[in-house]
């Protein structure tokens, strides 16, 4: 969890950290999340702030509450997160990179070659 980036509210960092753990497979769909009390103690954060972060995930359909039991990762959460992150990735990185590539007059073929060199599954 990125608890260092002070430009992002703590509750949002909590939500993003949980999303990261879901995407990495640390917590699978249908599995219970660490309790808000445990998160609060582990990161020394006010429980109301933790609840606010978790409630963001509930509103997004990433987790759901079982009253009296805890929070669980929703079915389809991984697909939702991948779709969301891919959209952000395209907007934040790909578009900006391609705009700069155009300014530098790279051809599509040159870009494909660079991507193939860098994106080698064996690395």
Protein backbone atom coordinates (compact mmCIF):
# COMPACT_ATOMS: atom_id res chain seq x y z
CA UNK A 1 0.00 0.00 0.00
CA UNK A 2 1.35 3.41 -0.98
CA UNK A 3 0.98 5.16 2.36
CA UNK A 4 3.77 7.63 1.52
CA UNK A 5 2.21 9.65 -1.33
CA UNK A 6 0.85 12.64 0.55
CA UNK A 7 -0.92 14.10 -2.50
CA UNK A 8 -3.59 11.43 -2.26
CA UNK A 9 -6.01 11.29 0.71
CA UNK A 10 -5.32 8.46 3.13
CA UNK A 11 -8.71 6.80 2.57
CA UNK A 12 -8.01 6.69 -1.20
CA UNK A 13 -4.57 5.16 -0.57
CA UNK A 14 -6.24 2.50 1.59
CA UNK A 15 -8.68 1.69 -1.24
CA UNK A 16 -5.91 1.57 -3.85
CA UNK A 17 -3.75 -0.62 -1.62
CA UNK A 18 -6.56 -3.13 -1.21
CA UNK A 19 -7.15 -3.06 -4.97
CA UNK A 20 -3.45 -3.81 -5.52
CA UNK A 21 -3.64 -6.80 -3.17
CA UNK A 22 -6.69 -8.11 -5.02
CA UNK A 23 -4.98 -7.70 -8.42
CA UNK A 24 -1.82 -9.42 -7.15
CA UNK A 25 -3.91 -12.35 -5.93
CA UNK A 26 -3.11 -11.84 -2.26
CA UNK A 27 -6.87 -11.80 -1.61
CA UNK A 28 -9.02 -13.74 -4.03
CA UNK A 29 -12.62 -13.25 -5.07
CA UNK A 30 -14.92 -14.56 -2.36
CA UNK A 31 -12.24 -14.30 0.33
CA UNK A 32 -12.50 -12.13 3.41
CA UNK A 33 -10.47 -8.96 3.71
CA UNK A 34 -8.48 -8.03 6.77
CA UNK A 35 -10.86 -6.31 9.20
CA UNK A 36 -11.00 -2.54 9.35
CA UNK A 37 -9.77 -2.75 12.94
CA UNK A 38 -6.75 -4.78 11.86
CA UNK A 39 -6.00 -2.34 9.01
CA UNK A 40 -6.35 0.57 11.41
CA UNK A 41 -3.87 -0.97 13.86
CA UNK A 42 -1.42 -2.20 11.22
CA UNK A 43 -1.07 1.20 9.55
CA UNK A 44 -1.76 3.30 12.65
CA UNK A 45 -4.67 5.03 10.91
CA UNK A 46 -7.97 6.17 12.39
CA UNK A 47 -10.63 3.49 11.90
CA UNK A 48 -13.05 6.05 10.40
CA UNK A 49 -10.49 6.71 7.65
CA UNK A 50 -10.11 2.99 6.98
CA UNK A 51 -13.89 2.62 6.85
CA UNK A 52 -14.11 5.46 4.35
CA UNK A 53 -11.54 3.72 2.11
CA UNK A 54 -13.33 0.39 2.32
CA UNK A 55 -16.68 2.05 1.65
CA UNK A 56 -15.23 3.39 -1.61
CA UNK A 57 -14.61 -0.21 -2.62
CA UNK A 58 -18.14 -1.20 -1.60
CA UNK A 59 -19.61 1.59 -3.73
CA UNK A 60 -17.48 0.45 -6.69
CA UNK A 61 -18.67 -3.15 -6.28
CA UNK A 62 -15.16 -4.44 -5.53
CA UNK A 63 -16.00 -5.67 -2.04
CA UNK A 64 -19.22 -6.38 -0.17
CA UNK A 65 -20.19 -6.47 3.48
CA UNK A 66 -21.55 -9.47 5.31
CA UNK A 67 -23.17 -7.94 8.34
CA UNK A 68 -21.45 -9.06 11.53
CA UNK A 69 -18.85 -11.08 9.63
CA UNK A 70 -16.72 -8.69 7.59
CA UNK A 71 -15.78 -7.56 4.10
CA UNK A 72 -15.32 -9.92 1.18
CA UNK A 73 -13.96 -9.54 -2.33
CA UNK A 74 -16.83 -9.55 -4.82
CA UNK A 75 -17.07 -11.98 -7.72
CA UNK A 76 -15.85 -10.22 -10.87
CA UNK A 77 -13.74 -7.74 -8.88
CA UNK A 78 -10.52 -8.69 -10.66
CA UNK A 79 -12.06 -8.14 -14.09
CA UNK A 80 -13.44 -4.76 -12.97
CA UNK A 81 -10.07 -3.71 -11.61
CA UNK A 82 -8.22 -4.81 -14.73
CA UNK A 83 -10.66 -2.91 -16.93
CA UNK A 84 -10.34 0.21 -14.76
CA UNK A 85 -6.53 0.04 -14.64
CA UNK A 86 -6.25 -0.57 -18.39
CA UNK A 87 -8.31 2.54 -19.07
CA UNK A 88 -6.14 4.61 -16.75
CA UNK A 89 -2.98 3.06 -18.23
CA UNK A 90 -4.05 4.02 -21.73
CA UNK A 91 -5.00 7.56 -20.76
CA UNK A 92 -2.02 8.23 -18.50
CA UNK A 93 0.81 6.44 -20.30
CA UNK A 94 -0.01 5.28 -23.82
CA UNK A 95 -1.58 8.48 -25.13
CA UNK A 96 1.14 10.67 -23.63
CA UNK A 97 3.86 8.34 -24.94
CA UNK A 98 2.41 8.29 -28.45
CA UNK A 99 2.08 12.06 -28.52
CA UNK A 100 5.77 12.35 -27.67
CA UNK A 101 6.64 9.63 -30.20
CA UNK A 102 4.85 11.64 -32.90
CA UNK A 103 6.84 14.74 -31.98
CA UNK A 104 10.01 12.66 -32.27
CA UNK A 105 8.78 11.30 -35.63
CA UNK A 106 8.87 7.64 -34.70
CA UNK A 107 7.12 5.34 -37.13
CA UNK A 108 4.65 2.72 -35.96
CA UNK A 109 7.15 0.04 -36.92
CA UNK A 110 9.90 1.65 -34.82
CA UNK A 111 7.55 1.86 -31.86
CA UNK A 112 6.54 -1.79 -32.27
CA UNK A 113 10.21 -2.79 -32.35
CA UNK A 114 10.94 -0.80 -29.17
CA UNK A 115 7.97 -2.34 -27.40
CA UNK A 116 9.06 -5.84 -28.47
CA UNK A 117 12.58 -5.19 -27.16
CA UNK A 118 11.38 -3.88 -23.80
CA UNK A 119 8.37 -6.13 -23.31
CA UNK A 120 10.09 -9.46 -23.38
CA UNK A 121 8.21 -12.01 -21.25
CA UNK A 122 11.52 -13.70 -20.39
CA UNK A 123 12.79 -10.57 -18.58
